Amino acid sequence: MEFGLGGKKALVTGASKGIGLAITRALVAEGAHVVAGARGSSPELRHLADGGQVHEVQVDLSTADGPAELVEAAGEHGSLDVLVNNVGAVTPRLNGFLEVTDDQWLTSINLTFMAAVRVTRAALPGMLSAGHGTIVNTCSVNAFLPDPAVIDYSAAKAALANFSKALADEVGPRGIRVNTVSPGPVSTGLWLGDQGVAATVAGAQGGNAAMVAQAAASEAVTGRFTQPEEVAELVVLLASERAGNVTGADFVIDGGLVRTL
């Protein structure tokens, strides 16, 4: 399917690995030019940059100034057609709510929620001036499936979902579409890395990380984690005019994990 993204300018946050890297690859494959924002680089992202369609910007989006710096750097490569707010992080909280400190709450909120707010605030005026643009925010099933083991992450994602819906209502009449994708567990380092969720839970419970991951995967109807490339294809669709009348919507990609209506 042709998505019509050839020559479009896109900004992706959290682009050096995982879902963000997969989204960057998918946009490049469609002919888009991507500004890839991340705290650090990666061999995979540098390889994409060597191809000429990706410009790396290393920036800390958990800070108050980082998002504006990223959008300013992106502006040097033309006005933005697509914004993908993907950056976020999760740390399992295995000792209960009372052990989660203010600093930990603020760290989660700043990176998982406020980074998207700040990047959007910086990027939106250009889109409004142009009269068009698409914003896709990577949310999570934890936005509506609260989990005490990731209580701060769940709250931050719920805020992101609410923000996205409200913003879509405001800017839709001016040609800007805003949607979210909500993955369940995805086969990335966030879940499967040496310091990922599975390893952290296994270390705390004295188990095996592979068994923890398998148990989580078995909760889905499909019996497996989502692949980052599957999330990326959904994001590309929403970013394109193939979804030209879709806004204010959330798309769950979780292998049937959430069974409620």
C-alpha atoms as a PDB file:
ATOM      1  CA  MET A   1       0.000   0.000   0.000  1.00  0.00           C
ATOM      2  CA  GLU A   2       1.289   3.457  -0.900  1.00  0.00           C
ATOM      3  CA  PHE A   3       1.097   5.784   2.097  1.00  0.00           C
ATOM      4  CA  GLY A   4       2.028   9.009   0.328  1.00  0.00           C
ATOM      5  CA  LEU A   5       4.771   9.935   2.782  1.00  0.00           C
ATOM      6  CA  GLY A   6       7.521  10.379   0.206  1.00  0.00           C
ATOM      7  CA  GLY A   7       9.327  13.660   0.807  1.00  0.00           C
ATOM      8  CA  LYS A   8       7.409  14.399   4.020  1.00  0.00           C
ATOM      9  CA  LYS A   9       9.290  15.708   7.054  1.00  0.00           C
ATOM     10  CA  ALA A  10       8.844  13.708  10.254  1.00  0.00           C
ATOM     11  CA  LEU A  11      10.138  14.035  13.801  1.00  0.00           C
ATOM     12  CA  VAL A  12      10.393  10.908  15.957  1.00  0.00           C
ATOM     13  CA  THR A  13      11.381  10.959  19.620  1.00  0.00           C
ATOM     14  CA  GLY A  14      13.028   8.056  21.403  1.00  0.00           C
ATOM     15  CA  ALA A  15      14.319   7.034  17.993  1.00  0.00           C
ATOM     16  CA  SER A  16      17.555   5.211  18.832  1.00  0.00           C
ATOM     17  CA  LYS A  17      16.059   1.850  19.779  1.00  0.00           C
ATOM     18  CA  GLY A  18      12.928  -0.204  20.216  1.00  0.00           C
ATOM     19  CA  ILE A  19       9.650   1.095  18.859  1.00  0.00           C
ATOM     20  CA  GLY A  20      11.124   4.499  17.988  1.00  0.00           C
ATOM     21  CA  LEU A  21      13.845   2.946  15.841  1.00  0.00           C
ATOM     22  CA  ALA A  22      11.273   0.743  14.106  1.00  0.00           C
ATOM     23  CA  ILE A  23       9.082   3.784  13.398  1.00  0.00           C
ATOM     24  CA  THR A  24      12.064   5.676  11.993  1.00  0.00           C
ATOM     25  CA  ARG A  25      12.909   2.751   9.714  1.00  0.00           C
ATOM     26  CA  ALA A  26       9.313   2.443   8.539  1.00  0.00           C
ATOM     27  CA  LEU A  27       9.044   6.142   7.725  1.00  0.00           C
ATOM     28  CA  VAL A  28      12.342   6.044   5.833  1.00  0.00           C
ATOM     29  CA  ALA A  29      11.097   3.033   3.872  1.00  0.00           C
ATOM     30  CA  GLU A  30       8.114   5.164   2.813  1.00  0.00           C
ATOM     31  CA  GLY A  31      10.424   7.914   1.573  1.00  0.00           C
ATOM     32  CA  ALA A  32      10.035  10.332   4.470  1.00  0.00           C
ATOM     33  CA  HIS A  33      12.877  12.455   5.819  1.00  0.00           C
ATOM     34  CA  VAL A  34      13.165  11.884   9.555  1.00  0.00           C
ATOM     35  CA  VAL A  35      14.654  13.945  12.348  1.00  0.00           C
ATOM     36  CA  ALA A  36      15.434  11.343  15.008  1.00  0.00           C
ATOM     37  CA  GLY A  37      15.625  12.627  18.562  1.00  0.00           C
ATOM     38  CA  ALA A  38      17.158  10.552  21.349  1.00  0.00           C
ATOM     39  CA  ARG A  39      19.324  10.977  24.431  1.00  0.00           C
ATOM     40  CA  GLY A  40      22.017   8.839  22.835  1.00  0.00           C
ATOM     41  CA  SER A  41      22.710   7.282  19.473  1.00  0.00           C
ATOM     42  CA  SER A  42      22.899   3.625  18.477  1.00  0.00           C
ATOM     43  CA  PRO A  43      24.659   1.724  15.690  1.00  0.00           C
ATOM     44  CA  GLU A  44      21.302   1.068  14.055  1.00  0.00           C
ATOM     45  CA  LEU A  45      20.310   4.729  14.071  1.00  0.00           C
ATOM     46  CA  ARG A  46      23.723   5.822  12.785  1.00  0.00           C
ATOM     47  CA  HIS A  47      23.346   3.344   9.936  1.00  0.00           C
ATOM     48  CA  LEU A  48      20.037   4.943   8.988  1.00  0.00           C
ATOM     49  CA  ALA A  49      21.588   8.400   9.217  1.00  0.00           C
ATOM     50  CA  ASP A  50      24.346   7.312   6.833  1.00  0.00           C
ATOM     51  CA  GLY A  51      21.632   6.692   4.236  1.00  0.00           C
ATOM     52  CA  GLY A  52      20.859  10.408   4.087  1.00  0.00           C
ATOM     53  CA  GLN A  53      17.167  10.395   5.041  1.00  0.00           C
ATOM     54  CA  VAL A  54      17.703  10.584   8.805  1.00  0.00           C
ATOM     55  CA  HIS A  55      19.198  13.420  10.811  1.00  0.00           C
ATOM     56  CA  GLU A  56      20.141  12.534  14.391  1.00  0.00           C
ATOM     57  CA  VAL A  57      19.682  14.988  17.233  1.00  0.00           C
ATOM     58  CA  GLN A  58      20.960  13.943  20.636  1.00  0.00           C
ATOM     59  CA  VAL A  59      18.895  15.642  23.309  1.00  0.00           C
ATOM     60  CA  ASP A  60      17.531  14.965  26.779  1.00  0.00           C
ATOM     61  CA  LEU A  61      13.765  15.242  26.432  1.00  0.00           C
ATOM     62  CA  SER A  62      13.173  14.857  30.162  1.00  0.00           C
ATOM     63  CA  THR A  63      14.400  18.437  30.643  1.00  0.00           C
ATOM     64  CA  ALA A  64      12.281  21.545  30.246  1.00  0.00           C
ATOM     65  CA  ASP A  65      14.404  22.906  27.381  1.00  0.00           C
ATOM     66  CA  GLY A  66      15.256  19.710  25.482  1.00  0.00           C
ATOM     67  CA  PRO A  67      12.006  19.407  23.502  1.00  0.00           C
ATOM     68  CA  ALA A  68      12.215  22.959  22.126  1.00  0.00           C
ATOM     69  CA  GLU A  69      15.862  22.403  21.216  1.00  0.00           C
ATOM     70  CA  LEU A  70      14.872  19.290  19.271  1.00  0.00           C
ATOM     71  CA  VAL A  71      12.080  21.008  17.357  1.00  0.00           C
ATOM     72  CA  GLU A  72      14.358  23.966  16.581  1.00  0.00           C
ATOM     73  CA  ALA A  73      16.943  21.553  15.150  1.00  0.00           C
ATOM     74  CA  ALA A  74      14.227  19.815  13.151  1.00  0.00           C
ATOM     75  CA  GLY A  75      13.123  23.155  11.725  1.00  0.00           C
ATOM     76  CA  GLU A  76      16.475  23.503  10.000  1.00  0.00           C
ATOM     77  CA  HIS A  77      15.394  20.615   7.764  1.00  0.00           C
ATOM     78  CA  GLY A  78      12.043  22.062   6.727  1.00  0.00           C
ATOM     79  CA  SER A  79       8.593  22.333   8.291  1.00  0.00           C
ATOM     80  CA  LEU A  80       7.214  19.235   9.961  1.00  0.00           C
ATOM     81  CA  ASP A  81       4.433  17.166   8.436  1.00  0.00           C
ATOM     82  CA  VAL A  82       4.508  14.346  10.996  1.00  0.00           C
ATOM     83  CA  LEU A  83       5.321  14.245  14.705  1.00  0.00           C
ATOM     84  CA  VAL A  84       5.663  10.949  16.558  1.00  0.00           C
ATOM     85  CA  ASN A  85       5.967  11.361  20.319  1.00  0.00           C
ATOM     86  CA  ASN A  86       7.387   7.993  21.255  1.00  0.00           C
ATOM     87  CA  VAL A  87       9.912   8.616  24.025  1.00  0.00           C
ATOM     88  CA  GLY A  88       9.150   7.055  27.394  1.00  0.00           C
ATOM     89  CA  ALA A  89      10.532   4.714  30.008  1.00  0.00           C
ATOM     90  CA  VAL A  90       9.244   2.315  32.623  1.00  0.00           C
ATOM     91  CA  THR A  91      10.795   1.117  35.870  1.00  0.00           C
ATOM     92  CA  PRO A  92       9.027  -1.675  37.753  1.00  0.00           C
ATOM     93  CA  ARG A  93       8.018  -0.659  41.275  1.00  0.00           C
ATOM     94  CA  LEU A  94       8.056  -3.977  43.091  1.00  0.00           C
ATOM     95  CA  ASN A  95       8.017  -2.715  46.679  1.00  0.00           C
ATOM     96  CA  GLY A  96       4.615  -1.054  46.569  1.00  0.00           C
ATOM     97  CA  PHE A  97       3.249   2.460  46.173  1.00  0.00           C
ATOM     98  CA  LEU A  98       4.655   3.746  49.473  1.00  0.00           C
ATOM     99  CA  GLU A  99       8.200   3.160  48.230  1.00  0.00           C
ATOM    100  CA  VAL A 100       7.765   5.279  45.086  1.00  0.00           C
ATOM    101  CA  THR A 101       9.390   8.653  45.764  1.00  0.00           C
ATOM    102  CA  ASP A 102       8.480  12.088  44.449  1.00  0.00           C
ATOM    103  CA  ASP A 103      11.623  12.066  42.322  1.00  0.00           C
ATOM    104  CA  GLN A 104      10.600   8.758  40.737  1.00  0.00           C
ATOM    105  CA  TRP A 105       7.110  10.067  40.030  1.00  0.00           C
ATOM    106  CA  LEU A 106       8.503  13.235  38.470  1.00  0.00           C
ATOM    107  CA  THR A 107      11.031  11.314  36.392  1.00  0.00           C
ATOM    108  CA  SER A 108       8.255   9.186  34.885  1.00  0.00           C
ATOM    109  CA  ILE A 109       5.932  12.112  34.299  1.00  0.00           C
ATOM    110  CA  ASN A 110       8.634  14.291  32.742  1.00  0.00           C
ATOM    111  CA  LEU A 111       9.819  11.727  30.208  1.00  0.00           C
ATOM    112  CA  THR A 112       6.662   9.743  29.507  1.00  0.00           C
ATOM    113  CA  PHE A 113       4.143  12.592  29.523  1.00  0.00           C
ATOM    114  CA  MET A 114       5.654  16.075  29.658  1.00  0.00           C
ATOM    115  CA  ALA A 115       8.180  15.380  26.894  1.00  0.00           C
ATOM    116  CA  ALA A 116       5.263  14.810  24.518  1.00  0.00           C
ATOM    117  CA  VAL A 117       3.493  17.940  25.761  1.00  0.00           C
ATOM    118  CA  ARG A 118       6.611  20.066  25.314  1.00  0.00           C
ATOM    119  CA  VAL A 119       7.604  18.700  21.908  1.00  0.00           C
ATOM    120  CA  THR A 120       4.047  19.161  20.685  1.00  0.00           C
ATOM    121  CA  ARG A 121       3.934  22.713  22.055  1.00  0.00           C
ATOM    122  CA  ALA A 122       7.080  23.543  20.090  1.00  0.00           C
ATOM    123  CA  ALA A 123       6.067  21.780  16.861  1.00  0.00           C
ATOM    124  CA  LEU A 124       2.388  22.693  16.669  1.00  0.00           C
ATOM    125  CA  PRO A 125       2.677  26.369  15.609  1.00  0.00           C
ATOM    126  CA  GLY A 126       4.413  25.362  12.367  1.00  0.00           C
ATOM    127  CA  MET A 127       1.754  22.790  11.603  1.00  0.00           C
ATOM    128  CA  LEU A 128      -1.009  25.286  12.317  1.00  0.00           C
ATOM    129  CA  SER A 129       0.620  27.829  10.009  1.00  0.00           C
ATOM    130  CA  ALA A 130       0.800  25.209   7.268  1.00  0.00           C
ATOM    131  CA  GLY A 131      -2.779  24.112   7.889  1.00  0.00           C
ATOM    132  CA  HIS A 132      -1.924  20.443   8.045  1.00  0.00           C
ATOM    133  CA  GLY A 133      -0.005  17.859  10.053  1.00  0.00           C
ATOM    134  CA  THR A 134      -0.336  14.583  11.883  1.00  0.00           C
ATOM    135  CA  ILE A 135       0.669  13.733  15.434  1.00  0.00           C
ATOM    136  CA  VAL A 136       0.877  10.150  16.676  1.00  0.00           C
ATOM    137  CA  ASN A 137       1.609   9.520  20.339  1.00  0.00           C
ATOM    138  CA  THR A 138       2.850   6.164  21.578  1.00  0.00           C
ATOM    139  CA  CYS A 139       0.656   5.417  24.542  1.00  0.00           C
ATOM    140  CA  SER A 140       0.164   2.040  26.284  1.00  0.00           C
ATOM    141  CA  VAL A 141      -2.509  -0.387  27.410  1.00  0.00           C
ATOM    142  CA  ASN A 142      -1.423   0.668  30.894  1.00  0.00           C
ATOM    143  CA  ALA A 143      -3.239   3.954  30.276  1.00  0.00           C
ATOM    144  CA  PHE A 144      -6.486   2.061  30.927  1.00  0.00           C
ATOM    145  CA  LEU A 145      -5.099  -1.156  32.440  1.00  0.00           C
ATOM    146  CA  PRO A 146      -3.470   0.222  35.611  1.00  0.00           C
ATOM    147  CA  ASP A 147      -0.740  -1.943  37.093  1.00  0.00           C
ATOM    148  CA  PRO A 148       0.644  -1.275  40.589  1.00  0.00           C
ATOM    149  CA  ALA A 149       4.017  -2.623  39.468  1.00  0.00           C
ATOM    150  CA  VAL A 150       4.277   0.325  37.040  1.00  0.00           C
ATOM    151  CA  ILE A 151       1.998   2.745  38.848  1.00  0.00           C
ATOM    152  CA  ASP A 152       3.776   5.952  37.847  1.00  0.00           C
ATOM    153  CA  TYR A 153       4.183   4.835  34.220  1.00  0.00           C
ATOM    154  CA  SER A 154       0.480   3.901  34.042  1.00  0.00           C
ATOM    155  CA  ALA A 155      -0.549   7.308  35.375  1.00  0.00           C
ATOM    156  CA  ALA A 156       1.744   9.120  32.936  1.00  0.00           C
ATOM    157  CA  LYS A 157       0.355   7.154  29.976  1.00  0.00           C
ATOM    158  CA  ALA A 158      -3.214   7.855  31.116  1.00  0.00           C
ATOM    159  CA  ALA A 159      -2.356  11.551  31.119  1.00  0.00           C
ATOM    160  CA  LEU A 160      -0.905  11.224  27.611  1.00  0.00           C
ATOM    161  CA  ALA A 161      -4.082   9.546  26.345  1.00  0.00           C
ATOM    162  CA  ASN A 162      -6.261  12.278  27.837  1.00  0.00           C
ATOM    163  CA  PHE A 163      -4.029  15.045  26.485  1.00  0.00           C
ATOM    164  CA  SER A 164      -4.056  13.522  22.995  1.00  0.00           C
ATOM    165  CA  LYS A 165      -7.839  13.281  22.891  1.00  0.00           C
ATOM    166  CA  ALA A 166      -8.291  16.859  24.069  1.00  0.00           C
ATOM    167  CA  LEU A 167      -5.715  18.225  21.637  1.00  0.00           C
ATOM    168  CA  ALA A 168      -7.326  16.368  18.735  1.00  0.00           C
ATOM    169  CA  ASP A 169     -10.599  18.130  19.531  1.00  0.00           C
ATOM    170  CA  GLU A 170      -8.920  21.546  19.556  1.00  0.00           C
ATOM    171  CA  VAL A 171      -6.768  21.343  16.447  1.00  0.00           C
ATOM    172  CA  GLY A 172      -8.819  19.028  14.233  1.00  0.00           C
ATOM    173  CA  PRO A 173     -10.783  21.894  12.651  1.00  0.00           C
ATOM    174  CA  ARG A 174      -7.440  23.463  11.666  1.00  0.00           C
ATOM    175  CA  GLY A 175      -6.170  20.477   9.708  1.00  0.00           C
ATOM    176  CA  ILE A 176      -4.145  18.679  12.399  1.00  0.00           C
ATOM    177  CA  ARG A 177      -4.897  15.075  13.292  1.00  0.00           C
ATOM    178  CA  VAL A 178      -3.870  13.573  16.654  1.00  0.00           C
ATOM    179  CA  ASN A 179      -4.070   9.863  17.449  1.00  0.00           C
ATOM    180  CA  THR A 180      -2.511   7.378  19.845  1.00  0.00           C
ATOM    181  CA  VAL A 181      -1.349   3.792  19.595  1.00  0.00           C
ATOM    182  CA  SER A 182      -1.453   1.653  22.728  1.00  0.00           C
ATOM    183  CA  PRO A 183       0.801  -1.399  22.634  1.00  0.00           C
ATOM    184  CA  GLY A 184       0.821  -4.181  25.151  1.00  0.00           C
ATOM    185  CA  PRO A 185       4.190  -5.822  25.858  1.00  0.00           C
ATOM    186  CA  VAL A 186       6.545  -5.393  22.898  1.00  0.00           C
ATOM    187  CA  SER A 187       9.704  -7.342  22.058  1.00  0.00           C
ATOM    188  CA  THR A 188      12.141  -4.554  22.865  1.00  0.00           C
ATOM    189  CA  GLY A 189      14.836  -3.937  25.432  1.00  0.00           C
ATOM    190  CA  LEU A 190      12.275  -2.236  27.665  1.00  0.00           C
ATOM    191  CA  TRP A 191      10.803  -5.670  28.353  1.00  0.00           C
ATOM    192  CA  LEU A 192      13.512  -8.110  27.299  1.00  0.00           C
ATOM    193  CA  GLY A 193      16.812  -6.275  27.853  1.00  0.00           C
ATOM    194  CA  ASP A 194      19.338  -7.081  30.575  1.00  0.00           C
ATOM    195  CA  GLN A 195      17.755  -4.395  32.736  1.00  0.00           C
ATOM    196  CA  GLY A 196      14.271  -4.697  31.291  1.00  0.00           C
ATOM    197  CA  VAL A 197      11.007  -5.490  33.006  1.00  0.00           C
ATOM    198  CA  ALA A 198      11.380  -9.276  32.765  1.00  0.00           C
ATOM    199  CA  ALA A 199      14.900  -9.273  34.201  1.00  0.00           C
ATOM    200  CA  THR A 200      13.953  -6.867  36.980  1.00  0.00           C
ATOM    201  CA  VAL A 201      10.942  -8.916  38.029  1.00  0.00           C
ATOM    202  CA  ALA A 202      12.919 -12.151  37.833  1.00  0.00           C
ATOM    203  CA  GLY A 203      15.714 -10.682  39.937  1.00  0.00           C
ATOM    204  CA  ALA A 204      13.301  -9.542  42.621  1.00  0.00           C
ATOM    205  CA  GLN A 205      11.382 -12.815  42.722  1.00  0.00           C
ATOM    206  CA  GLY A 206      14.337 -15.141  42.248  1.00  0.00           C
ATOM    207  CA  GLY A 207      13.014 -16.450  38.941  1.00  0.00           C
ATOM    208  CA  ASN A 208      14.104 -16.613  35.324  1.00  0.00           C
ATOM    209  CA  ALA A 209      13.697 -13.635  32.989  1.00  0.00           C
ATOM    210  CA  ALA A 210      12.687 -15.820  30.040  1.00  0.00           C
ATOM    211  CA  MET A 211       9.973 -17.445  32.141  1.00  0.00           C
ATOM    212  CA  VAL A 212       8.690 -14.053  33.304  1.00  0.00           C
ATOM    213  CA  ALA A 213       8.515 -12.866  29.686  1.00  0.00           C
ATOM    214  CA  GLN A 214       6.773 -16.058  28.580  1.00  0.00           C
ATOM    215  CA  ALA A 215       4.205 -15.722  31.334  1.00  0.00           C
ATOM    216  CA  ALA A 216       3.467 -12.160  30.227  1.00  0.00           C
ATOM    217  CA  ALA A 217       3.227 -13.214  26.581  1.00  0.00           C
ATOM    218  CA  SER A 218       0.843 -16.049  27.429  1.00  0.00           C
ATOM    219  CA  GLU A 219      -1.704 -13.533  28.734  1.00  0.00           C
ATOM    220  CA  ALA A 220      -2.290 -12.376  25.144  1.00  0.00           C
ATOM    221  CA  VAL A 221      -4.698 -14.298  22.933  1.00  0.00           C
ATOM    222  CA  THR A 222      -1.930 -14.696  20.374  1.00  0.00           C
ATOM    223  CA  GLY A 223       0.473 -16.001  23.023  1.00  0.00           C
ATOM    224  CA  ARG A 224       3.287 -13.645  22.036  1.00  0.00           C
ATOM    225  CA  PHE A 225       4.624 -10.123  22.374  1.00  0.00           C
ATOM    226  CA  THR A 226       3.988  -7.562  19.666  1.00  0.00           C
ATOM    227  CA  GLN A 227       6.963  -6.878  17.401  1.00  0.00           C
ATOM    228  CA  PRO A 228       8.146  -3.252  17.226  1.00  0.00           C
ATOM    229  CA  GLU A 229       7.765  -3.341  13.439  1.00  0.00           C
ATOM    230  CA  GLU A 230       4.055  -4.102  13.879  1.00  0.00           C
ATOM    231  CA  VAL A 231       3.620  -0.992  16.007  1.00  0.00           C
ATOM    232  CA  ALA A 232       5.610   1.007  13.467  1.00  0.00           C
ATOM    233  CA  GLU A 233       3.355  -0.005  10.569  1.00  0.00           C
ATOM    234  CA  LEU A 234       0.315   1.143  12.535  1.00  0.00           C
ATOM    235  CA  VAL A 235       1.981   4.477  13.278  1.00  0.00           C
ATOM    236  CA  VAL A 236       2.856   4.960   9.602  1.00  0.00           C
ATOM    237  CA  LEU A 237      -0.750   4.323   8.619  1.00  0.00           C
ATOM    238  CA  LEU A 238      -2.026   6.888  11.117  1.00  0.00           C
ATOM    239  CA  ALA A 239       0.607   9.395  10.001  1.00  0.00           C
ATOM    240  CA  SER A 240      -0.502   9.087   6.389  1.00  0.00           C
ATOM    241  CA  GLU A 241      -3.489  10.439   4.526  1.00  0.00           C
ATOM    242  CA  ARG A 242      -4.732   6.856   4.238  1.00  0.00           C
ATOM    243  CA  ALA A 243      -6.159   7.647   7.674  1.00  0.00           C
ATOM    244  CA  GLY A 244      -7.145  11.161   6.652  1.00  0.00           C
ATOM    245  CA  ASN A 245     -10.403  11.275   8.614  1.00  0.00           C
ATOM    246  CA  VAL A 246      -9.097   9.496  11.703  1.00  0.00           C
ATOM    247  CA  THR A 247      -8.393  11.724  14.682  1.00  0.00           C
ATOM    248  CA  GLY A 248      -8.874  11.589  18.432  1.00  0.00           C
ATOM    249  CA  ALA A 249      -8.668   7.812  18.284  1.00  0.00           C
ATOM    250  CA  ASP A 250      -6.628   5.203  20.138  1.00  0.00           C
ATOM    251  CA  PHE A 251      -5.518   1.976  18.478  1.00  0.00           C
ATOM    252  CA  VAL A 252      -4.681  -0.960  20.721  1.00  0.00           C
ATOM    253  CA  ILE A 253      -2.077  -3.457  19.509  1.00  0.00           C
ATOM    254  CA  ASP A 254      -1.703  -6.052  22.226  1.00  0.00           C
ATOM    255  CA  GLY A 255      -2.425  -9.492  20.753  1.00  0.00           C
ATOM    256  CA  GLY A 256      -5.828  -9.513  22.452  1.00  0.00           C
ATOM    257  CA  LEU A 257      -4.433  -8.933  25.948  1.00  0.00           C
ATOM    258  CA  VAL A 258      -7.222  -6.515  26.881  1.00  0.00           C
ATOM    259  CA  ARG A 259     -10.517  -8.360  26.562  1.00  0.00           C
ATOM    260  CA  THR A 260     -12.897  -5.667  27.796  1.00  0.00           C
ATOM    261  CA  LEU A 261     -14.972  -3.481  25.468  1.00  0.00           C
END
